[in-house]
Amino acid sequence: MDKRKIILSFIGVLLIVLAAFGAKAIIDSNVKEVPEKSKVVKNVFVETVENRNVPIVVPANGNVTALKKTGAFF
């Protein structure tokens, strides 16, 4: 082999090794720390409820028709 091929081979191997070390350094520097979760206490306001009957009044006038009619007539 001539001198030029030896030098180019050496430079190629050197570049591959440097790229591997550079990639490892980038991967190691990209470590994300997990933030510590803070405990949040939420206040809830409550009321005492008394069960009772609630009248339902629907004021309406007019004719009533079925939205969907059935086929059976009784």
PDB file of N, CA and C in Angstrom:
ATOM      1  N   MET A   1       0.849  -1.179   0.000  1.00  0.00           N
ATOM      2  CA  MET A   1       0.000   0.000   0.000  1.00  0.00           C
ATOM      3  C   MET A   1       0.884   1.228   0.000  1.00  0.00           C
ATOM      4  N   ASP A   2       0.405   2.201  -0.662  1.00  0.00           N
ATOM      5  CA  ASP A   2       1.189   3.430  -0.683  1.00  0.00           C
ATOM      6  C   ASP A   2       0.852   4.276   0.536  1.00  0.00           C
ATOM      7  N   LYS A   3       1.595   5.304   0.724  1.00  0.00           N
ATOM      8  CA  LYS A   3       1.509   6.151   1.908  1.00  0.00           C
ATOM      9  C   LYS A   3       0.156   6.867   1.993  1.00  0.00           C
ATOM     10  N   ARG A   4      -0.380   7.249   0.858  1.00  0.00           N
ATOM     11  CA  ARG A   4      -1.659   8.001   0.851  1.00  0.00           C
ATOM     12  C   ARG A   4      -2.799   7.136   1.380  1.00  0.00           C
ATOM     13  N   LYS A   5      -2.914   5.875   0.968  1.00  0.00           N
ATOM     14  CA  LYS A   5      -3.969   4.986   1.435  1.00  0.00           C
ATOM     15  C   LYS A   5      -3.852   4.731   2.940  1.00  0.00           C
ATOM     16  N   ILE A   6      -2.648   4.608   3.439  1.00  0.00           N
ATOM     17  CA  ILE A   6      -2.446   4.393   4.881  1.00  0.00           C
ATOM     18  C   ILE A   6      -2.919   5.602   5.669  1.00  0.00           C
ATOM     19  N   ILE A   7      -2.570   6.790   5.208  1.00  0.00           N
ATOM     20  CA  ILE A   7      -2.979   8.014   5.910  1.00  0.00           C
ATOM     21  C   ILE A   7      -4.499   8.168   5.860  1.00  0.00           C
ATOM     22  N   LEU A   8      -5.123   7.949   4.704  1.00  0.00           N
ATOM     23  CA  LEU A   8      -6.583   8.069   4.593  1.00  0.00           C
ATOM     24  C   LEU A   8      -7.301   7.020   5.444  1.00  0.00           C
ATOM     25  N   SER A   9      -6.763   5.798   5.505  1.00  0.00           N
ATOM     26  CA  SER A   9      -7.355   4.758   6.355  1.00  0.00           C
ATOM     27  C   SER A   9      -7.277   5.160   7.825  1.00  0.00           C
ATOM     28  N   PHE A  10      -6.111   5.687   8.235  1.00  0.00           N
ATOM     29  CA  PHE A  10      -5.924   6.123   9.612  1.00  0.00           C
ATOM     30  C   PHE A  10      -6.902   7.256   9.957  1.00  0.00           C
ATOM     31  N   ILE A  11      -7.061   8.216   9.049  1.00  0.00           N
ATOM     32  CA  ILE A  11      -7.976   9.333   9.287  1.00  0.00           C
ATOM     33  C   ILE A  11      -9.433   8.824   9.354  1.00  0.00           C
ATOM     34  N   GLY A  12      -9.796   7.864   8.511  1.00  0.00           N
ATOM     35  CA  GLY A  12     -11.140   7.289   8.530  1.00  0.00           C
ATOM     36  C   GLY A  12     -11.451   6.598   9.838  1.00  0.00           C
ATOM     37  N   VAL A  13     -10.505   5.768  10.308  1.00  0.00           N
ATOM     38  CA  VAL A  13     -10.689   5.063  11.588  1.00  0.00           C
ATOM     39  C   VAL A  13     -10.753   6.074  12.733  1.00  0.00           C
ATOM     40  N   LEU A  14      -9.907   7.108  12.679  1.00  0.00           N
ATOM     41  CA  LEU A  14      -9.897   8.140  13.716  1.00  0.00           C
ATOM     42  C   LEU A  14     -11.241   8.880  13.755  1.00  0.00           C
ATOM     43  N   LEU A  15     -11.802   9.194  12.588  1.00  0.00           N
ATOM     44  CA  LEU A  15     -13.107   9.865  12.539  1.00  0.00           C
ATOM     45  C   LEU A  15     -14.220   8.990  13.109  1.00  0.00           C
ATOM     46  N   ILE A  16     -14.187   7.698  12.814  1.00  0.00           N
ATOM     47  CA  ILE A  16     -15.207   6.786  13.346  1.00  0.00           C
ATOM     48  C   ILE A  16     -15.114   6.707  14.861  1.00  0.00           C
ATOM     49  N   VAL A  17     -13.895   6.612  15.393  1.00  0.00           N
ATOM     50  CA  VAL A  17     -13.709   6.544  16.844  1.00  0.00           C
ATOM     51  C   VAL A  17     -14.162   7.844  17.500  1.00  0.00           C
ATOM     52  N   LEU A  18     -13.793   8.982  16.923  1.00  0.00           N
ATOM     53  CA  LEU A  18     -14.215  10.274  17.481  1.00  0.00           C
ATOM     54  C   LEU A  18     -15.741  10.434  17.418  1.00  0.00           C
ATOM     55  N   ALA A  19     -16.365   9.961  16.347  1.00  0.00           N
ATOM     56  CA  ALA A  19     -17.823  10.037  16.232  1.00  0.00           C
ATOM     57  C   ALA A  19     -18.492   9.187  17.309  1.00  0.00           C
ATOM     58  N   ALA A  20     -17.934   8.014  17.591  1.00  0.00           N
ATOM     59  CA  ALA A  20     -18.500   7.145  18.629  1.00  0.00           C
ATOM     60  C   ALA A  20     -18.396   7.813  19.998  1.00  0.00           C
ATOM     61  N   PHE A  21     -17.231   8.407  20.308  1.00  0.00           N
ATOM     62  CA  PHE A  21     -17.080   9.092  21.597  1.00  0.00           C
ATOM     63  C   PHE A  21     -17.984  10.321  21.674  1.00  0.00           C
ATOM     64  N   GLY A  22     -18.128  11.045  20.578  1.00  0.00           N
ATOM     65  CA  GLY A  22     -19.006  12.216  20.563  1.00  0.00           C
ATOM     66  C   GLY A  22     -20.464  11.826  20.767  1.00  0.00           C
ATOM     67  N   ALA A  23     -20.889  10.739  20.125  1.00  0.00           N
ATOM     68  CA  ALA A  23     -22.267  10.272  20.288  1.00  0.00           C
ATOM     69  C   ALA A  23     -22.522   9.843  21.730  1.00  0.00           C
ATOM     70  N   LYS A  24     -21.559   9.160  22.329  1.00  0.00           N
ATOM     71  CA  LYS A  24     -21.716   8.734  23.730  1.00  0.00           C
ATOM     72  C   LYS A  24     -21.806   9.940  24.652  1.00  0.00           C
ATOM     73  N   ALA A  25     -21.016  10.968  24.389  1.00  0.00           N
ATOM     74  CA  ALA A  25     -21.046  12.174  25.216  1.00  0.00           C
ATOM     75  C   ALA A  25     -22.399  12.886  25.085  1.00  0.00           C
ATOM     76  N   ILE A  26     -22.954  12.927  23.875  1.00  0.00           N
ATOM     77  CA  ILE A  26     -24.261  13.569  23.670  1.00  0.00           C
ATOM     78  C   ILE A  26     -25.360  12.777  24.373  1.00  0.00           C
ATOM     79  N   ILE A  27     -25.308  11.460  24.286  1.00  0.00           N
ATOM     80  CA  ILE A  27     -26.320  10.620  24.939  1.00  0.00           C
ATOM     81  C   ILE A  27     -26.241  10.773  26.455  1.00  0.00           C
ATOM     82  N   ASP A  28     -25.036  10.791  27.009  1.00  0.00           N
ATOM     83  CA  ASP A  28     -24.879  10.915  28.455  1.00  0.00           C
ATOM     84  C   ASP A  28     -25.301  12.290  28.971  1.00  0.00           C
ATOM     85  N   SER A  29     -25.177  13.319  28.159  1.00  0.00           N
ATOM     86  CA  SER A  29     -25.543  14.656  28.617  1.00  0.00           C
ATOM     87  C   SER A  29     -27.038  14.910  28.524  1.00  0.00           C
ATOM     88  N   ASN A  30     -27.797  14.024  27.882  1.00  0.00           N
ATOM     89  CA  ASN A  30     -29.235  14.228  27.688  1.00  0.00           C
ATOM     90  C   ASN A  30     -30.058  13.500  28.743  1.00  0.00           C
ATOM     91  N   VAL A  31     -29.550  13.359  29.945  1.00  0.00           N
ATOM     92  CA  VAL A  31     -30.278  12.688  31.015  1.00  0.00           C
ATOM     93  C   VAL A  31     -31.210  13.694  31.677  1.00  0.00           C
ATOM     94  N   LYS A  32     -32.510  13.376  31.669  1.00  0.00           N
ATOM     95  CA  LYS A  32     -33.497  14.269  32.280  1.00  0.00           C
ATOM     96  C   LYS A  32     -33.762  13.813  33.708  1.00  0.00           C
ATOM     97  N   GLU A  33     -33.722  14.763  34.610  1.00  0.00           N
ATOM     98  CA  GLU A  33     -34.019  14.442  35.994  1.00  0.00           C
ATOM     99  C   GLU A  33     -35.526  14.451  36.192  1.00  0.00           C
ATOM    100  N   VAL A  34     -36.019  13.481  36.939  1.00  0.00           N
ATOM    101  CA  VAL A  34     -37.451  13.401  37.213  1.00  0.00           C
ATOM    102  C   VAL A  34     -37.766  14.396  38.329  1.00  0.00           C
ATOM    103  N   PRO A  35     -38.659  15.362  38.062  1.00  0.00           N
ATOM    104  CA  PRO A  35     -38.976  16.333  39.107  1.00  0.00           C
ATOM    105  C   PRO A  35     -39.740  15.674  40.249  1.00  0.00           C
ATOM    106  N   GLU A  36     -39.463  16.134  41.437  1.00  0.00           N
ATOM    107  CA  GLU A  36     -40.130  15.594  42.614  1.00  0.00           C
ATOM    108  C   GLU A  36     -41.550  16.129  42.666  1.00  0.00           C
ATOM    109  N   LYS A  37     -42.512  15.238  42.799  1.00  0.00           N
ATOM    110  CA  LYS A  37     -43.911  15.644  42.812  1.00  0.00           C
ATOM    111  C   LYS A  37     -44.253  16.238  44.167  1.00  0.00           C
ATOM    112  N   SER A  38     -44.828  17.434  44.116  1.00  0.00           N
ATOM    113  CA  SER A  38     -45.235  18.069  45.364  1.00  0.00           C
ATOM    114  C   SER A  38     -46.672  17.677  45.655  1.00  0.00           C
ATOM    115  N   LYS A  39     -46.967  17.437  46.917  1.00  0.00           N
ATOM    116  CA  LYS A  39     -48.299  17.023  47.303  1.00  0.00           C
ATOM    117  C   LYS A  39     -49.174  18.262  47.438  1.00  0.00           C
ATOM    118  N   VAL A  40     -50.288  18.271  46.713  1.00  0.00           N
ATOM    119  CA  VAL A  40     -51.192  19.407  46.716  1.00  0.00           C
ATOM    120  C   VAL A  40     -52.445  19.019  47.475  1.00  0.00           C
ATOM    121  N   VAL A  41     -52.784  19.816  48.473  1.00  0.00           N
ATOM    122  CA  VAL A  41     -53.996  19.585  49.250  1.00  0.00           C
ATOM    123  C   VAL A  41     -55.055  20.551  48.751  1.00  0.00           C
ATOM    124  N   LYS A  42     -56.174  20.005  48.273  1.00  0.00           N
ATOM    125  CA  LYS A  42     -57.235  20.836  47.742  1.00  0.00           C
ATOM    126  C   LYS A  42     -58.350  20.945  48.773  1.00  0.00           C
ATOM    127  N   ASN A  43     -58.880  22.168  48.940  1.00  0.00           N
ATOM    128  CA  ASN A  43     -59.980  22.390  49.855  1.00  0.00           C
ATOM    129  C   ASN A  43     -61.301  22.178  49.131  1.00  0.00           C
ATOM    130  N   VAL A  44     -62.227  21.514  49.809  1.00  0.00           N
ATOM    131  CA  VAL A  44     -63.541  21.260  49.241  1.00  0.00           C
ATOM    132  C   VAL A  44     -64.574  21.771  50.231  1.00  0.00           C
ATOM    133  N   PHE A  45     -65.497  22.608  49.732  1.00  0.00           N
ATOM    134  CA  PHE A  45     -66.554  23.139  50.575  1.00  0.00           C
ATOM    135  C   PHE A  45     -67.789  22.264  50.419  1.00  0.00           C
ATOM    136  N   VAL A  46     -68.425  21.909  51.541  1.00  0.00           N
ATOM    137  CA  VAL A  46     -69.578  21.011  51.510  1.00  0.00           C
ATOM    138  C   VAL A  46     -70.770  21.668  52.178  1.00  0.00           C
ATOM    139  N   GLU A  47     -71.951  21.207  51.818  1.00  0.00           N
ATOM    140  CA  GLU A  47     -73.188  21.645  52.446  1.00  0.00           C
ATOM    141  C   GLU A  47     -73.959  20.417  52.889  1.00  0.00           C
ATOM    142  N   THR A  48     -74.694  20.554  53.991  1.00  0.00           N
ATOM    143  CA  THR A  48     -75.549  19.475  54.445  1.00  0.00           C
ATOM    144  C   THR A  48     -76.838  19.523  53.640  1.00  0.00           C
ATOM    145  N   VAL A  49     -77.260  18.365  53.140  1.00  0.00           N
ATOM    146  CA  VAL A  49     -78.426  18.295  52.270  1.00  0.00           C
ATOM    147  C   VAL A  49     -79.563  17.610  53.012  1.00  0.00           C
ATOM    148  N   GLU A  50     -80.765  18.153  52.832  1.00  0.00           N
ATOM    149  CA  GLU A  50     -81.948  17.548  53.426  1.00  0.00           C
ATOM    150  C   GLU A  50     -82.786  16.969  52.292  1.00  0.00           C
ATOM    151  N   ASN A  51     -83.087  15.670  52.354  1.00  0.00           N
ATOM    152  CA  ASN A  51     -83.893  15.035  51.314  1.00  0.00           C
ATOM    153  C   ASN A  51     -85.349  15.439  51.479  1.00  0.00           C
ATOM    154  N   ARG A  52     -85.983  15.824  50.363  1.00  0.00           N
ATOM    155  CA  ARG A  52     -87.399  16.181  50.372  1.00  0.00           C
ATOM    156  C   ARG A  52     -87.938  16.006  48.966  1.00  0.00           C
ATOM    157  N   ASN A  53     -89.245  16.073  48.839  1.00  0.00           N
ATOM    158  CA  ASN A  53     -89.873  15.948  47.527  1.00  0.00           C
ATOM    159  C   ASN A  53     -89.791  17.282  46.800  1.00  0.00           C
ATOM    160  N   VAL A  54     -89.463  17.226  45.537  1.00  0.00           N
ATOM    161  CA  VAL A  54     -89.388  18.419  44.712  1.00  0.00           C
ATOM    162  C   VAL A  54     -90.466  18.276  43.633  1.00  0.00           C
ATOM    163  N   PRO A  55     -91.430  19.181  43.622  1.00  0.00           N
ATOM    164  CA  PRO A  55     -92.484  19.050  42.608  1.00  0.00           C
ATOM    165  C   PRO A  55     -91.951  19.410  41.217  1.00  0.00           C
ATOM    166  N   ILE A  56     -92.364  18.611  40.225  1.00  0.00           N
ATOM    167  CA  ILE A  56     -91.964  18.868  38.843  1.00  0.00           C
ATOM    168  C   ILE A  56     -93.181  19.397  38.107  1.00  0.00           C
ATOM    169  N   VAL A  57     -93.118  20.617  37.651  1.00  0.00           N
ATOM    170  CA  VAL A  57     -94.215  21.234  36.940  1.00  0.00           C
ATOM    171  C   VAL A  57     -93.724  21.593  35.543  1.00  0.00           C
ATOM    172  N   VAL A  58     -94.425  21.085  34.520  1.00  0.00           N
ATOM    173  CA  VAL A  58     -94.064  21.381  33.141  1.00  0.00           C
ATOM    174  C   VAL A  58     -95.249  22.113  32.518  1.00  0.00           C
ATOM    175  N   PRO A  59     -95.174  23.417  32.399  1.00  0.00           N
ATOM    176  CA  PRO A  59     -96.289  24.124  31.767  1.00  0.00           C
ATOM    177  C   PRO A  59     -96.207  23.967  30.248  1.00  0.00           C
ATOM    178  N   ALA A  60     -97.232  23.349  29.672  1.00  0.00           N
ATOM    179  CA  ALA A  60     -97.224  23.135  28.228  1.00  0.00           C
ATOM    180  C   ALA A  60     -98.653  23.094  27.714  1.00  0.00           C
ATOM    181  N   ASN A  61     -98.852  23.554  26.521  1.00  0.00           N
ATOM    182  CA  ASN A  61    -100.154  23.529  25.858  1.00  0.00           C
ATOM    183  C   ASN A  61     -99.961  22.934  24.472  1.00  0.00           C
ATOM    184  N   GLY A  62    -100.998  22.336  23.918  1.00  0.00           N
ATOM    185  CA  GLY A  62    -100.942  21.891  22.541  1.00  0.00           C
ATOM    186  C   GLY A  62    -101.117  20.408  22.384  1.00  0.00           C
ATOM    187  N   ASN A  63    -100.974  19.944  21.168  1.00  0.00           N
ATOM    188  CA  ASN A  63    -101.129  18.528  20.848  1.00  0.00           C
ATOM    189  C   ASN A  63     -99.809  17.798  21.039  1.00  0.00           C
ATOM    190  N   VAL A  64     -99.924  16.546  21.405  1.00  0.00           N
ATOM    191  CA  VAL A  64     -98.751  15.710  21.621  1.00  0.00           C
ATOM    192  C   VAL A  64     -98.710  14.665  20.519  1.00  0.00           C
ATOM    193  N   THR A  65     -97.572  14.527  19.853  1.00  0.00           N
ATOM    194  CA  THR A  65     -97.388  13.478  18.853  1.00  0.00           C
ATOM    195  C   THR A  65     -96.124  12.698  19.176  1.00  0.00           C
ATOM    196  N   ALA A  66     -96.088  11.445  18.782  1.00  0.00           N
ATOM    197  CA  ALA A  66     -94.934  10.584  19.058  1.00  0.00           C
ATOM    198  C   ALA A  66     -93.781  10.953  18.135  1.00  0.00           C
ATOM    199  N   LEU A  67     -92.607  10.919  18.676  1.00  0.00           N
ATOM    200  CA  LEU A  67     -91.426  11.190  17.877  1.00  0.00           C
ATOM    201  C   LEU A  67     -91.156  10.017  16.932  1.00  0.00           C
ATOM    202  N   LYS A  68     -91.238   8.815  17.483  1.00  0.00           N
ATOM    203  CA  LYS A  68     -91.090   7.597  16.674  1.00  0.00           C
ATOM    204  C   LYS A  68     -92.343   6.762  16.871  1.00  0.00           C
ATOM    205  N   LYS A  69     -93.054   6.494  15.821  1.00  0.00           N
ATOM    206  CA  LYS A  69     -94.291   5.723  15.896  1.00  0.00           C
ATOM    207  C   LYS A  69     -93.968   4.250  15.730  1.00  0.00           C
ATOM    208  N   THR A  70     -94.666   3.426  16.498  1.00  0.00           N
ATOM    209  CA  THR A  70     -94.481   1.972  16.388  1.00  0.00           C
ATOM    210  C   THR A  70     -95.477   1.430  15.383  1.00  0.00           C
ATOM    211  N   GLY A  71     -95.208   0.266  14.848  1.00  0.00           N
ATOM    212  CA  GLY A  71     -96.052  -0.322  13.822  1.00  0.00           C
ATOM    213  C   GLY A  71     -97.249  -1.053  14.394  1.00  0.00           C
ATOM    214  N   ALA A  72     -97.244  -1.352  15.683  1.00  0.00           N
ATOM    215  CA  ALA A  72     -98.338  -2.135  16.273  1.00  0.00           C
ATOM    216  C   ALA A  72     -99.422  -1.187  16.771  1.00  0.00           C
ATOM    217  N   PHE A  73    -100.680  -1.554  16.463  1.00  0.00           N
ATOM    218  CA  PHE A  73    -101.815  -0.767  16.955  1.00  0.00           C
ATOM    219  C   PHE A  73    -102.625  -1.670  17.859  1.00  0.00           C
ATOM    220  N   PHE A  74    -102.854  -1.237  19.063  1.00  0.00           N
ATOM    221  CA  PHE A  74    -103.615  -2.050  20.016  1.00  0.00           C
ATOM    222  C   PHE A  74    -104.982  -1.507  20.180  1.00  0.00           C
TER     223      PHE A  74
END
